[in-house]
N, C-alpha and C. Protein backbone atom coordinates (compact mmCIF):
# COMPACT_ATOMS: atom_id res chain seq x y z
N LYS A 1 69.04 20.99 -46.35
CA LYS A 1 67.73 21.58 -46.14
C LYS A 1 66.65 20.52 -46.28
N PRO A 2 65.58 20.68 -45.54
CA PRO A 2 64.50 19.69 -45.67
C PRO A 2 63.81 19.83 -47.01
N PRO A 3 63.33 18.74 -47.56
CA PRO A 3 62.61 18.83 -48.84
C PRO A 3 61.31 19.58 -48.68
N ALA A 4 60.94 20.28 -49.71
CA ALA A 4 59.69 21.06 -49.68
C ALA A 4 58.50 20.11 -49.67
N LYS A 5 57.56 20.35 -48.78
CA LYS A 5 56.38 19.49 -48.67
C LYS A 5 55.25 20.08 -49.51
N LEU A 6 54.61 19.22 -50.30
CA LEU A 6 53.49 19.66 -51.11
C LEU A 6 52.18 19.63 -50.32
N LYS A 7 52.13 18.79 -49.30
CA LYS A 7 50.93 18.67 -48.47
C LYS A 7 51.30 18.86 -47.01
N LYS A 8 50.31 19.27 -46.20
CA LYS A 8 50.53 19.38 -44.77
C LYS A 8 50.53 17.98 -44.18
N LEU A 9 51.61 17.67 -43.40
CA LEU A 9 51.75 16.33 -42.86
C LEU A 9 51.48 16.30 -41.36
N LYS A 10 51.15 15.12 -40.87
CA LYS A 10 50.93 14.94 -39.43
C LYS A 10 52.26 15.07 -38.70
N GLY A 11 52.23 15.70 -37.53
CA GLY A 11 53.44 15.87 -36.75
C GLY A 11 53.76 14.63 -35.93
N ILE A 12 55.03 14.33 -35.78
CA ILE A 12 55.47 13.22 -34.93
C ILE A 12 56.61 13.72 -34.04
N PHE A 13 56.87 12.99 -32.95
CA PHE A 13 57.97 13.35 -32.05
C PHE A 13 59.27 12.83 -32.67
N TRP A 14 59.97 13.73 -33.37
CA TRP A 14 61.16 13.32 -34.09
C TRP A 14 62.08 14.52 -34.27
N ALA A 15 63.35 14.36 -33.87
CA ALA A 15 64.34 15.41 -34.09
C ALA A 15 64.89 15.25 -35.50
N LYS A 16 64.57 16.19 -36.38
CA LYS A 16 64.94 16.08 -37.79
C LYS A 16 66.46 16.12 -37.95
N ALA A 17 66.97 15.29 -38.85
CA ALA A 17 68.41 15.23 -39.13
C ALA A 17 68.60 15.16 -40.63
N PHE A 18 69.31 16.17 -41.20
CA PHE A 18 69.51 16.22 -42.66
C PHE A 18 70.98 16.03 -43.05
N ASP A 19 71.88 16.32 -42.13
CA ASP A 19 73.31 16.12 -42.39
C ASP A 19 73.68 14.72 -41.94
N LEU A 20 73.68 13.77 -42.88
CA LEU A 20 73.85 12.35 -42.54
C LEU A 20 75.22 11.81 -42.91
N LYS A 21 76.21 12.67 -43.22
CA LYS A 21 77.52 12.20 -43.62
C LYS A 21 78.16 11.38 -42.50
N ASN A 22 78.78 10.26 -42.90
CA ASN A 22 79.51 9.40 -41.96
C ASN A 22 78.64 8.92 -40.79
N SER A 23 77.35 8.78 -41.04
CA SER A 23 76.44 8.34 -39.98
C SER A 23 75.91 6.94 -40.27
N PHE A 24 75.29 6.36 -39.27
CA PHE A 24 74.65 5.05 -39.43
C PHE A 24 73.60 5.10 -40.54
N TRP A 25 72.86 6.22 -40.59
CA TRP A 25 71.79 6.35 -41.58
C TRP A 25 72.37 6.39 -42.99
N ALA A 26 73.50 7.12 -43.15
CA ALA A 26 74.12 7.21 -44.48
C ALA A 26 74.54 5.84 -44.97
N LYS A 27 75.09 5.03 -44.05
CA LYS A 27 75.53 3.69 -44.42
C LYS A 27 74.33 2.82 -44.82
N MET A 28 73.23 2.92 -44.06
CA MET A 28 72.03 2.13 -44.36
C MET A 28 71.44 2.52 -45.70
N MET A 29 71.41 3.82 -45.98
CA MET A 29 70.84 4.29 -47.25
C MET A 29 71.71 3.86 -48.42
N LEU A 30 73.04 3.84 -48.18
CA LEU A 30 73.95 3.42 -49.25
C LEU A 30 73.78 1.94 -49.56
N GLU A 31 73.55 1.14 -48.52
CA GLU A 31 73.42 -0.31 -48.71
C GLU A 31 72.05 -0.73 -49.20
N HIS A 32 71.02 -0.05 -48.71
CA HIS A 32 69.65 -0.52 -49.00
C HIS A 32 68.81 0.48 -49.79
N GLY A 33 69.26 1.69 -49.87
CA GLY A 33 68.48 2.70 -50.55
C GLY A 33 67.29 3.13 -49.73
N SER A 34 66.45 3.99 -50.27
CA SER A 34 65.26 4.47 -49.56
C SER A 34 64.10 3.53 -49.82
N CYS A 35 63.47 3.09 -48.75
CA CYS A 35 62.36 2.13 -48.91
C CYS A 35 61.05 2.81 -49.27
N LEU A 36 60.99 4.13 -49.11
CA LEU A 36 59.77 4.88 -49.43
C LEU A 36 60.13 6.16 -50.18
N GLU A 37 59.37 6.45 -51.21
CA GLU A 37 59.54 7.71 -51.91
C GLU A 37 58.85 8.81 -51.12
N GLU A 38 59.31 10.05 -51.35
CA GLU A 38 58.73 11.18 -50.62
C GLU A 38 57.23 11.30 -50.89
N LYS A 39 56.82 11.04 -52.12
CA LYS A 39 55.39 11.15 -52.44
C LYS A 39 54.57 10.11 -51.70
N ASP A 40 55.19 8.91 -51.48
CA ASP A 40 54.48 7.88 -50.72
C ASP A 40 54.31 8.29 -49.27
N ILE A 41 55.36 8.91 -48.69
CA ILE A 41 55.28 9.38 -47.32
C ILE A 41 54.21 10.45 -47.18
N GLU A 42 54.14 11.34 -48.16
CA GLU A 42 53.13 12.39 -48.12
C GLU A 42 51.72 11.81 -48.18
N GLU A 43 51.55 10.77 -48.98
CA GLU A 43 50.23 10.15 -49.08
C GLU A 43 49.84 9.46 -47.77
N LEU A 44 50.82 8.83 -47.11
CA LEU A 44 50.53 8.09 -45.89
C LEU A 44 50.29 9.01 -44.69
N PHE A 45 51.00 10.12 -44.62
CA PHE A 45 50.96 10.96 -43.42
C PHE A 45 50.34 12.33 -43.66
N ALA A 46 49.68 12.52 -44.79
CA ALA A 46 49.06 13.81 -45.06
C ALA A 46 47.86 14.02 -44.14
N VAL A 47 47.69 15.26 -43.69
CA VAL A 47 46.54 15.62 -42.87
C VAL A 47 45.33 15.71 -43.77
N LYS A 48 44.31 14.94 -43.45
CA LYS A 48 43.10 14.91 -44.28
C LYS A 48 42.19 16.07 -43.92
N THR A 49 41.76 16.78 -44.92
CA THR A 49 40.87 17.92 -44.72
C THR A 49 39.43 17.49 -44.90
N VAL A 50 38.56 18.07 -44.13
CA VAL A 50 37.13 17.75 -44.20
C VAL A 50 36.49 18.57 -45.30
N ASN A 51 35.76 17.88 -46.13
CA ASN A 51 35.05 18.57 -47.19
C ASN A 51 33.88 19.35 -46.60
N ALA A 52 33.96 20.66 -46.69
CA ALA A 52 32.93 21.50 -46.06
C ALA A 52 31.55 21.22 -46.62
N ALA A 53 31.51 20.90 -47.92
CA ALA A 53 30.20 20.66 -48.54
C ALA A 53 29.55 19.41 -47.96
N ILE A 54 30.41 18.39 -47.67
CA ILE A 54 29.88 17.15 -47.11
C ILE A 54 29.50 17.33 -45.65
N SER A 55 30.37 18.02 -44.86
CA SER A 55 30.12 18.18 -43.44
C SER A 55 28.89 19.01 -43.15
N ASN A 56 28.51 19.86 -44.10
CA ASN A 56 27.33 20.71 -43.91
C ASN A 56 26.11 20.17 -44.63
N LYS A 57 26.20 18.91 -45.03
CA LYS A 57 25.09 18.34 -45.79
C LYS A 57 23.81 18.29 -44.98
N LEU A 58 23.93 18.04 -43.68
CA LEU A 58 22.77 17.98 -42.81
C LEU A 58 22.66 19.28 -42.04
N PRO A 59 21.69 20.13 -42.31
CA PRO A 59 21.55 21.40 -41.60
C PRO A 59 21.34 21.16 -40.12
N ALA A 60 21.82 22.09 -39.30
CA ALA A 60 21.76 21.95 -37.85
C ALA A 60 20.33 21.80 -37.36
N GLU A 61 19.40 22.54 -38.01
CA GLU A 61 18.02 22.49 -37.52
C GLU A 61 17.35 21.16 -37.80
N ASN A 62 17.91 20.37 -38.74
CA ASN A 62 17.32 19.08 -39.06
C ASN A 62 18.01 17.93 -38.32
N ALA A 63 19.10 18.24 -37.65
CA ALA A 63 19.81 17.18 -36.93
C ALA A 63 19.00 16.73 -35.71
N PRO A 64 19.03 15.44 -35.39
CA PRO A 64 18.29 14.95 -34.23
C PRO A 64 18.79 15.59 -32.95
N LYS A 65 17.87 16.05 -32.12
CA LYS A 65 18.23 16.73 -30.87
C LYS A 65 17.72 15.94 -29.68
N SER A 66 18.53 15.91 -28.65
CA SER A 66 18.14 15.21 -27.43
C SER A 66 17.15 16.06 -26.65
N VAL A 67 16.23 15.40 -25.96
CA VAL A 67 15.26 16.12 -25.14
C VAL A 67 15.81 16.38 -23.75
N LEU A 68 17.03 15.91 -23.48
CA LEU A 68 17.65 16.08 -22.17
C LEU A 68 18.67 17.21 -22.18
N ASP A 69 18.91 17.76 -21.00
CA ASP A 69 19.95 18.76 -20.85
C ASP A 69 21.30 18.14 -21.23
N SER A 70 22.11 18.86 -21.97
CA SER A 70 23.36 18.30 -22.50
C SER A 70 24.31 17.87 -21.39
N LYS A 71 24.42 18.65 -20.32
CA LYS A 71 25.33 18.30 -19.23
C LYS A 71 24.84 17.06 -18.49
N ARG A 72 23.53 17.02 -18.26
CA ARG A 72 22.97 15.84 -17.59
C ARG A 72 23.13 14.60 -18.47
N ALA A 73 22.89 14.76 -19.75
CA ALA A 73 23.03 13.63 -20.67
C ALA A 73 24.47 13.13 -20.70
N GLN A 74 25.41 14.06 -20.68
CA GLN A 74 26.82 13.67 -20.68
C GLN A 74 27.18 12.90 -19.41
N LEU A 75 26.69 13.38 -18.27
CA LEU A 75 26.97 12.72 -16.99
C LEU A 75 26.37 11.32 -16.96
N MET A 76 25.12 11.20 -17.42
CA MET A 76 24.49 9.88 -17.48
C MET A 76 25.26 8.94 -18.38
N GLY A 77 25.69 9.46 -19.53
CA GLY A 77 26.45 8.63 -20.46
C GLY A 77 27.74 8.11 -19.86
N ILE A 78 28.43 8.96 -19.09
CA ILE A 78 29.68 8.55 -18.45
C ILE A 78 29.43 7.42 -17.45
N VAL A 79 28.37 7.58 -16.64
CA VAL A 79 28.06 6.57 -15.63
C VAL A 79 27.67 5.24 -16.28
N VAL A 80 26.81 5.30 -17.28
CA VAL A 80 26.34 4.08 -17.94
C VAL A 80 27.50 3.37 -18.64
N LYS A 81 28.36 4.12 -19.31
CA LYS A 81 29.51 3.49 -19.96
C LYS A 81 30.45 2.87 -18.94
N GLY A 82 30.55 3.52 -17.76
CA GLY A 82 31.41 2.98 -16.71
C GLY A 82 30.91 1.64 -16.19
N LEU A 83 29.61 1.41 -16.27
CA LEU A 83 29.05 0.13 -15.82
C LEU A 83 29.40 -1.01 -16.77
N LYS A 84 29.66 -0.66 -18.02
CA LYS A 84 30.00 -1.66 -19.06
C LYS A 84 28.91 -2.72 -19.17
N LEU A 85 27.68 -2.26 -19.13
CA LEU A 85 26.52 -3.15 -19.26
C LEU A 85 25.54 -2.54 -20.25
N PRO A 86 24.90 -3.38 -21.08
CA PRO A 86 23.80 -2.87 -21.89
C PRO A 86 22.68 -2.35 -20.99
N VAL A 87 21.96 -1.34 -21.44
CA VAL A 87 20.91 -0.76 -20.61
C VAL A 87 19.84 -1.79 -20.28
N ASP A 88 19.54 -2.69 -21.20
CA ASP A 88 18.54 -3.73 -20.94
C ASP A 88 19.01 -4.66 -19.81
N THR A 89 20.30 -5.00 -19.79
CA THR A 89 20.84 -5.84 -18.72
C THR A 89 20.82 -5.08 -17.40
N LEU A 90 21.10 -3.79 -17.46
CA LEU A 90 21.06 -2.95 -16.26
C LEU A 90 19.65 -2.92 -15.68
N ARG A 91 18.66 -2.78 -16.53
CA ARG A 91 17.26 -2.77 -16.08
C ARG A 91 16.90 -4.10 -15.43
N GLU A 92 17.32 -5.18 -16.05
CA GLU A 92 17.03 -6.51 -15.51
C GLU A 92 17.69 -6.69 -14.14
N GLY A 93 18.94 -6.22 -14.02
CA GLY A 93 19.65 -6.35 -12.75
C GLY A 93 18.97 -5.58 -11.63
N ILE A 94 18.46 -4.38 -11.93
CA ILE A 94 17.77 -3.57 -10.92
C ILE A 94 16.46 -4.21 -10.52
N GLN A 95 15.71 -4.69 -11.49
CA GLN A 95 14.42 -5.30 -11.20
C GLN A 95 14.56 -6.58 -10.37
N GLN A 96 15.63 -7.32 -10.61
CA GLN A 96 15.84 -8.58 -9.90
C GLN A 96 16.74 -8.42 -8.67
N VAL A 97 17.22 -7.19 -8.43
CA VAL A 97 18.15 -6.92 -7.32
C VAL A 97 19.28 -7.95 -7.35
N ASP A 98 19.97 -8.00 -8.47
CA ASP A 98 21.00 -9.01 -8.72
C ASP A 98 22.38 -8.42 -8.46
N ASN A 99 23.01 -8.86 -7.36
CA ASN A 99 24.35 -8.37 -7.02
C ASN A 99 25.42 -8.87 -7.98
N ASP A 100 25.12 -9.93 -8.72
CA ASP A 100 26.09 -10.43 -9.69
C ASP A 100 26.16 -9.53 -10.92
N ILE A 101 25.09 -8.81 -11.19
CA ILE A 101 25.06 -7.91 -12.35
C ILE A 101 25.53 -6.51 -11.97
N ILE A 102 25.05 -6.02 -10.84
CA ILE A 102 25.36 -4.65 -10.42
C ILE A 102 26.10 -4.69 -9.10
N GLN A 103 27.28 -4.11 -9.06
CA GLN A 103 28.10 -4.08 -7.86
C GLN A 103 27.70 -2.91 -6.96
N GLU A 104 28.14 -2.97 -5.69
CA GLU A 104 27.77 -1.96 -4.70
C GLU A 104 28.18 -0.56 -5.14
N GLU A 105 29.41 -0.40 -5.65
CA GLU A 105 29.88 0.93 -6.02
C GLU A 105 29.08 1.53 -7.17
N HIS A 106 28.48 0.67 -7.98
CA HIS A 106 27.68 1.15 -9.10
C HIS A 106 26.34 1.70 -8.65
N LEU A 107 25.84 1.20 -7.52
CA LEU A 107 24.53 1.65 -7.03
C LEU A 107 24.58 3.14 -6.68
N GLN A 108 25.64 3.57 -6.01
CA GLN A 108 25.76 4.98 -5.64
C GLN A 108 25.90 5.84 -6.89
N ASN A 109 26.63 5.35 -7.89
CA ASN A 109 26.77 6.09 -9.14
C ASN A 109 25.42 6.25 -9.83
N LEU A 110 24.60 5.21 -9.78
CA LEU A 110 23.26 5.30 -10.37
C LEU A 110 22.39 6.29 -9.61
N LEU A 111 22.50 6.29 -8.29
CA LEU A 111 21.72 7.25 -7.49
C LEU A 111 22.13 8.69 -7.80
N ASN A 112 23.39 8.90 -8.16
CA ASN A 112 23.87 10.25 -8.45
C ASN A 112 23.30 10.80 -9.76
N VAL A 113 22.90 9.91 -10.67
CA VAL A 113 22.35 10.37 -11.96
C VAL A 113 20.91 9.89 -12.13
N LEU A 114 20.22 9.73 -11.02
CA LEU A 114 18.83 9.25 -11.08
C LEU A 114 17.99 10.21 -11.92
N PRO A 115 17.27 9.70 -12.91
CA PRO A 115 16.44 10.59 -13.74
C PRO A 115 15.36 11.28 -12.91
N THR A 116 15.14 12.55 -13.21
CA THR A 116 14.09 13.30 -12.53
C THR A 116 12.75 12.99 -13.18
N GLU A 117 11.67 13.39 -12.50
CA GLU A 117 10.34 13.17 -13.07
C GLU A 117 10.20 13.90 -14.40
N GLU A 118 10.76 15.12 -14.48
CA GLU A 118 10.67 15.91 -15.71
C GLU A 118 11.40 15.21 -16.85
N GLU A 119 12.56 14.63 -16.55
CA GLU A 119 13.32 13.95 -17.60
C GLU A 119 12.59 12.69 -18.08
N VAL A 120 11.99 11.96 -17.15
CA VAL A 120 11.23 10.76 -17.53
C VAL A 120 10.03 11.15 -18.38
N GLU A 121 9.32 12.19 -17.98
CA GLU A 121 8.15 12.64 -18.74
C GLU A 121 8.55 13.06 -20.15
N ALA A 122 9.67 13.78 -20.27
CA ALA A 122 10.12 14.26 -21.57
C ALA A 122 10.46 13.09 -22.50
N VAL A 123 11.13 12.07 -21.95
CA VAL A 123 11.52 10.93 -22.77
C VAL A 123 10.32 10.05 -23.12
N VAL A 124 9.39 9.90 -22.18
CA VAL A 124 8.17 9.13 -22.47
C VAL A 124 7.36 9.83 -23.56
N GLU A 125 7.24 11.15 -23.49
CA GLU A 125 6.55 11.91 -24.53
C GLU A 125 7.26 11.74 -25.87
N LEU A 126 8.59 11.75 -25.84
CA LEU A 126 9.35 11.54 -27.07
C LEU A 126 9.05 10.18 -27.67
N ASN A 127 9.00 9.14 -26.83
CA ASN A 127 8.69 7.80 -27.32
C ASN A 127 7.29 7.73 -27.92
N ASP A 128 6.32 8.39 -27.26
CA ASP A 128 4.95 8.42 -27.79
C ASP A 128 4.92 9.12 -29.15
N ARG A 129 5.69 10.18 -29.24
CA ARG A 129 5.71 10.94 -30.50
C ARG A 129 6.33 10.10 -31.62
N VAL A 130 7.36 9.36 -31.29
CA VAL A 130 8.01 8.50 -32.29
C VAL A 130 7.06 7.39 -32.72
N GLN A 131 6.30 6.84 -31.75
CA GLN A 131 5.34 5.78 -32.08
C GLN A 131 4.23 6.30 -32.98
N ARG A 132 3.81 7.55 -32.76
CA ARG A 132 2.73 8.13 -33.58
C ARG A 132 3.21 8.51 -34.98
N HIS A 133 4.50 8.81 -35.08
CA HIS A 133 5.04 9.25 -36.37
C HIS A 133 6.25 8.39 -36.74
N PRO A 134 6.03 7.15 -37.12
CA PRO A 134 7.14 6.25 -37.46
C PRO A 134 7.93 6.70 -38.69
N ASP A 135 7.33 7.60 -39.50
CA ASP A 135 8.02 8.07 -40.69
C ASP A 135 9.12 9.08 -40.36
N THR A 136 9.14 9.57 -39.12
CA THR A 136 10.20 10.50 -38.69
C THR A 136 10.91 9.87 -37.49
N PRO A 137 11.75 8.89 -37.75
CA PRO A 137 12.41 8.17 -36.65
C PRO A 137 13.36 9.08 -35.87
N HIS A 138 13.56 8.72 -34.62
CA HIS A 138 14.47 9.47 -33.75
C HIS A 138 15.65 8.58 -33.37
N VAL A 139 16.86 9.11 -33.47
CA VAL A 139 18.05 8.37 -33.08
C VAL A 139 18.26 8.56 -31.58
N TRP A 140 18.01 7.50 -30.84
CA TRP A 140 18.09 7.58 -29.38
C TRP A 140 19.56 7.59 -28.95
N ASP A 141 19.91 8.55 -28.12
CA ASP A 141 21.26 8.53 -27.57
C ASP A 141 21.25 7.71 -26.28
N LEU A 142 22.44 7.47 -25.72
CA LEU A 142 22.57 6.58 -24.57
C LEU A 142 21.82 7.11 -23.36
N ALA A 143 21.89 8.42 -23.13
CA ALA A 143 21.23 9.02 -21.97
C ALA A 143 19.70 8.88 -22.08
N GLU A 144 19.16 9.12 -23.26
CA GLU A 144 17.71 8.99 -23.45
C GLU A 144 17.27 7.54 -23.23
N GLU A 145 18.05 6.60 -23.73
CA GLU A 145 17.73 5.19 -23.53
C GLU A 145 17.77 4.84 -22.04
N PHE A 146 18.76 5.40 -21.33
CA PHE A 146 18.89 5.17 -19.89
C PHE A 146 17.67 5.69 -19.14
N VAL A 147 17.26 6.92 -19.46
CA VAL A 147 16.11 7.52 -18.78
C VAL A 147 14.84 6.73 -19.09
N PHE A 148 14.67 6.32 -20.34
CA PHE A 148 13.44 5.64 -20.74
C PHE A 148 13.34 4.24 -20.13
N LYS A 149 14.45 3.51 -20.10
CA LYS A 149 14.39 2.12 -19.65
C LYS A 149 14.65 1.96 -18.15
N ILE A 150 15.42 2.88 -17.57
CA ILE A 150 15.73 2.79 -16.14
C ILE A 150 14.84 3.72 -15.33
N GLY A 151 14.63 4.93 -15.84
CA GLY A 151 13.83 5.91 -15.09
C GLY A 151 12.38 5.52 -14.94
N THR A 152 11.90 4.60 -15.78
CA THR A 152 10.49 4.18 -15.70
C THR A 152 10.28 2.98 -14.78
N ILE A 153 11.34 2.49 -14.15
CA ILE A 153 11.18 1.40 -13.17
C ILE A 153 10.47 1.95 -11.93
N LYS A 154 9.46 1.25 -11.47
CA LYS A 154 8.68 1.72 -10.32
C LYS A 154 9.54 1.78 -9.06
N ASN A 155 9.33 2.87 -8.30
CA ASN A 155 10.05 3.06 -7.02
C ASN A 155 11.56 2.90 -7.19
N LEU A 156 12.09 3.48 -8.26
CA LEU A 156 13.50 3.28 -8.58
C LEU A 156 14.42 3.77 -7.46
N LYS A 157 14.21 4.99 -6.99
CA LYS A 157 15.09 5.54 -5.95
C LYS A 157 15.02 4.71 -4.68
N LEU A 158 13.80 4.39 -4.25
CA LEU A 158 13.63 3.58 -3.04
C LEU A 158 14.26 2.21 -3.20
N ARG A 159 14.14 1.65 -4.37
CA ARG A 159 14.70 0.32 -4.64
C ARG A 159 16.23 0.35 -4.53
N LEU A 160 16.85 1.36 -5.14
CA LEU A 160 18.32 1.46 -5.11
C LEU A 160 18.82 1.77 -3.70
N GLU A 161 18.13 2.67 -3.00
CA GLU A 161 18.55 3.02 -1.63
C GLU A 161 18.42 1.82 -0.70
N SER A 162 17.32 1.06 -0.83
CA SER A 162 17.12 -0.13 0.01
C SER A 162 18.17 -1.19 -0.30
N TRP A 163 18.48 -1.32 -1.57
CA TRP A 163 19.49 -2.28 -2.01
C TRP A 163 20.86 -1.91 -1.42
N LEU A 164 21.20 -0.63 -1.50
CA LEU A 164 22.48 -0.16 -0.96
C LEU A 164 22.54 -0.36 0.56
N PHE A 165 21.40 -0.08 1.24
CA PHE A 165 21.35 -0.26 2.69
C PHE A 165 21.51 -1.73 3.06
N SER A 166 20.88 -2.62 2.32
CA SER A 166 20.96 -4.05 2.64
C SER A 166 22.39 -4.56 2.51
N ILE A 167 23.13 -4.05 1.52
CA ILE A 167 24.52 -4.46 1.36
C ILE A 167 25.35 -3.95 2.53
N ALA A 168 25.15 -2.66 2.89
CA ALA A 168 25.90 -2.07 4.00
C ALA A 168 25.54 -2.77 5.32
N PHE A 169 24.26 -3.13 5.48
CA PHE A 169 23.83 -3.81 6.71
C PHE A 169 24.48 -5.18 6.83
N ARG A 170 24.54 -5.90 5.74
CA ARG A 170 25.16 -7.23 5.77
C ARG A 170 26.64 -7.14 6.14
N LEU A 171 27.32 -6.12 5.62
CA LEU A 171 28.73 -5.93 5.94
C LEU A 171 28.90 -5.58 7.42
N SER A 172 28.01 -4.70 7.92
CA SER A 172 28.06 -4.32 9.34
C SER A 172 27.77 -5.52 10.23
N LEU A 173 26.79 -6.32 9.84
CA LEU A 173 26.43 -7.52 10.61
C LEU A 173 27.59 -8.51 10.64
N LYS A 174 28.26 -8.64 9.51
CA LYS A 174 29.40 -9.56 9.43
C LYS A 174 30.53 -9.10 10.36
N GLU A 175 30.78 -7.78 10.41
CA GLU A 175 31.82 -7.25 11.28
C GLU A 175 31.43 -7.40 12.74
N ALA A 176 30.14 -7.14 13.05
CA ALA A 176 29.67 -7.29 14.44
C ALA A 176 29.80 -8.75 14.88
N TYR A 177 29.48 -9.67 14.00
CA TYR A 177 29.60 -11.10 14.32
C TYR A 177 31.06 -11.47 14.59
N ARG A 178 31.97 -10.89 13.81
CA ARG A 178 33.39 -11.17 14.01
C ARG A 178 33.85 -10.68 15.39
N LEU A 179 33.42 -9.48 15.77
CA LEU A 179 33.83 -8.92 17.06
C LEU A 179 33.21 -9.70 18.23
N LEU A 180 31.94 -10.08 18.07
CA LEU A 180 31.29 -10.85 19.13
C LEU A 180 31.92 -12.23 19.28
N THR A 181 32.34 -12.81 18.17
CA THR A 181 33.02 -14.11 18.22
C THR A 181 34.34 -14.00 18.96
N LEU A 182 35.08 -12.93 18.70
CA LEU A 182 36.34 -12.70 19.42
C LEU A 182 36.09 -12.55 20.92
N LEU A 183 35.03 -11.78 21.26
CA LEU A 183 34.70 -11.59 22.67
C LEU A 183 34.31 -12.90 23.34
N ASP A 184 33.50 -13.68 22.65
CA ASP A 184 33.06 -14.97 23.21
C ASP A 184 34.25 -15.91 23.42
N ASN A 185 35.18 -15.92 22.46
CA ASN A 185 36.37 -16.76 22.60
C ASN A 185 37.25 -16.30 23.77
N ALA A 186 37.35 -14.97 23.92
CA ALA A 186 38.16 -14.43 25.03
C ALA A 186 37.56 -14.79 26.38
N VAL A 187 36.23 -14.65 26.49
CA VAL A 187 35.54 -15.00 27.75
C VAL A 187 35.71 -16.48 28.05
N GLY A 188 35.59 -17.31 27.02
CA GLY A 188 35.76 -18.75 27.23
C GLY A 188 37.17 -19.09 27.66
N ALA A 189 38.18 -18.41 27.07
CA ALA A 189 39.57 -18.68 27.44
C ALA A 189 39.84 -18.30 28.89
N VAL A 190 39.27 -17.16 29.33
CA VAL A 190 39.45 -16.73 30.73
C VAL A 190 38.75 -17.70 31.69
N ARG A 191 37.55 -18.13 31.33
CA ARG A 191 36.75 -19.02 32.18
C ARG A 191 37.42 -20.38 32.34
N ASP A 192 38.09 -20.84 31.29
CA ASP A 192 38.67 -22.19 31.33
C ASP A 192 40.16 -22.21 31.71
N CYS A 193 40.74 -21.05 31.96
CA CYS A 193 42.18 -21.00 32.25
C CYS A 193 42.41 -21.15 33.76
N THR A 194 42.92 -22.31 34.20
CA THR A 194 43.14 -22.58 35.63
C THR A 194 44.19 -21.63 36.21
N ALA A 195 45.27 -21.40 35.46
CA ALA A 195 46.34 -20.54 35.96
C ALA A 195 45.84 -19.11 36.21
N PHE A 196 45.01 -18.64 35.32
CA PHE A 196 44.48 -17.28 35.48
C PHE A 196 43.56 -17.20 36.69
N GLN A 197 42.74 -18.25 36.87
CA GLN A 197 41.84 -18.27 38.01
C GLN A 197 42.61 -18.29 39.33
N GLN A 198 43.70 -19.07 39.36
CA GLN A 198 44.52 -19.13 40.57
C GLN A 198 45.20 -17.79 40.85
N THR A 199 45.62 -17.13 39.79
CA THR A 199 46.23 -15.80 39.94
C THR A 199 45.23 -14.82 40.54
N LEU A 200 43.99 -14.85 40.06
CA LEU A 200 42.95 -13.97 40.60
C LEU A 200 42.68 -14.29 42.07
N LEU A 201 42.73 -15.60 42.42
CA LEU A 201 42.49 -16.01 43.81
C LEU A 201 43.58 -15.48 44.73
N LEU A 202 44.85 -15.55 44.26
CA LEU A 202 45.97 -15.01 45.05
C LEU A 202 45.84 -13.52 45.25
N ILE A 203 45.43 -12.84 44.19
CA ILE A 203 45.25 -11.39 44.28
C ILE A 203 44.16 -11.06 45.30
N LEU A 204 43.09 -11.87 45.31
CA LEU A 204 41.98 -11.65 46.25
C LEU A 204 42.46 -11.83 47.69
N LYS A 205 43.19 -12.92 47.93
CA LYS A 205 43.67 -13.20 49.30
C LYS A 205 44.65 -12.13 49.76
N ALA A 206 45.59 -11.77 48.90
CA ALA A 206 46.58 -10.75 49.26
C ALA A 206 45.90 -9.41 49.53
N GLY A 207 44.93 -9.12 48.73
CA GLY A 207 44.22 -7.84 48.92
C GLY A 207 43.45 -7.80 50.21
N ASN A 208 42.86 -8.94 50.60
CA ASN A 208 42.10 -8.98 51.84
C ASN A 208 43.00 -8.88 53.07
N ILE A 209 44.20 -9.48 52.98
CA ILE A 209 45.13 -9.44 54.10
C ILE A 209 45.75 -8.06 54.25
N LEU A 210 46.15 -7.48 53.14
CA LEU A 210 46.80 -6.18 53.20
C LEU A 210 45.79 -5.08 53.47
């Protein structure tokens, strides 16, 4: 039978085995003994309970609250974390239109979570309120920092859309140049090929006679 547990332990993927006669485990235990006492195992793998008195120390009404919609804030946080850039670096990259900092695929992601005017106004008001009352500091979350530092860039949407268009245009221009180069090479090969010209001349003569 399994030994009685005094504490609730963390579960692991393990098929329990208690009948160890004539087994590899029995031989190992006979030769080396048990390396851990049951009480030590319980201490290491016991499920830790949260002290309710500590977890409720900060009342819900006093906890810092975001001025943004929770779903929007979550979406912004996902996008910003996906960029793996500090918000200050992101702002610098947008202002300088730096392709080395911000990649093409990131531009569309930024456009998808572009802060609205209402969100920018709410965060700017929050910043003003924090500046007026420094004795009641506010813990800025990632989404609020994103809206405050990125949403306040002038002509942000137009800037990102123009940037995305310029990248797409350069790619299209590069492809058009490749196709035109192929066409020019083909025309040159036909123009300079004596055998092909003679073949066309024979076809012309045969066609006129027939």
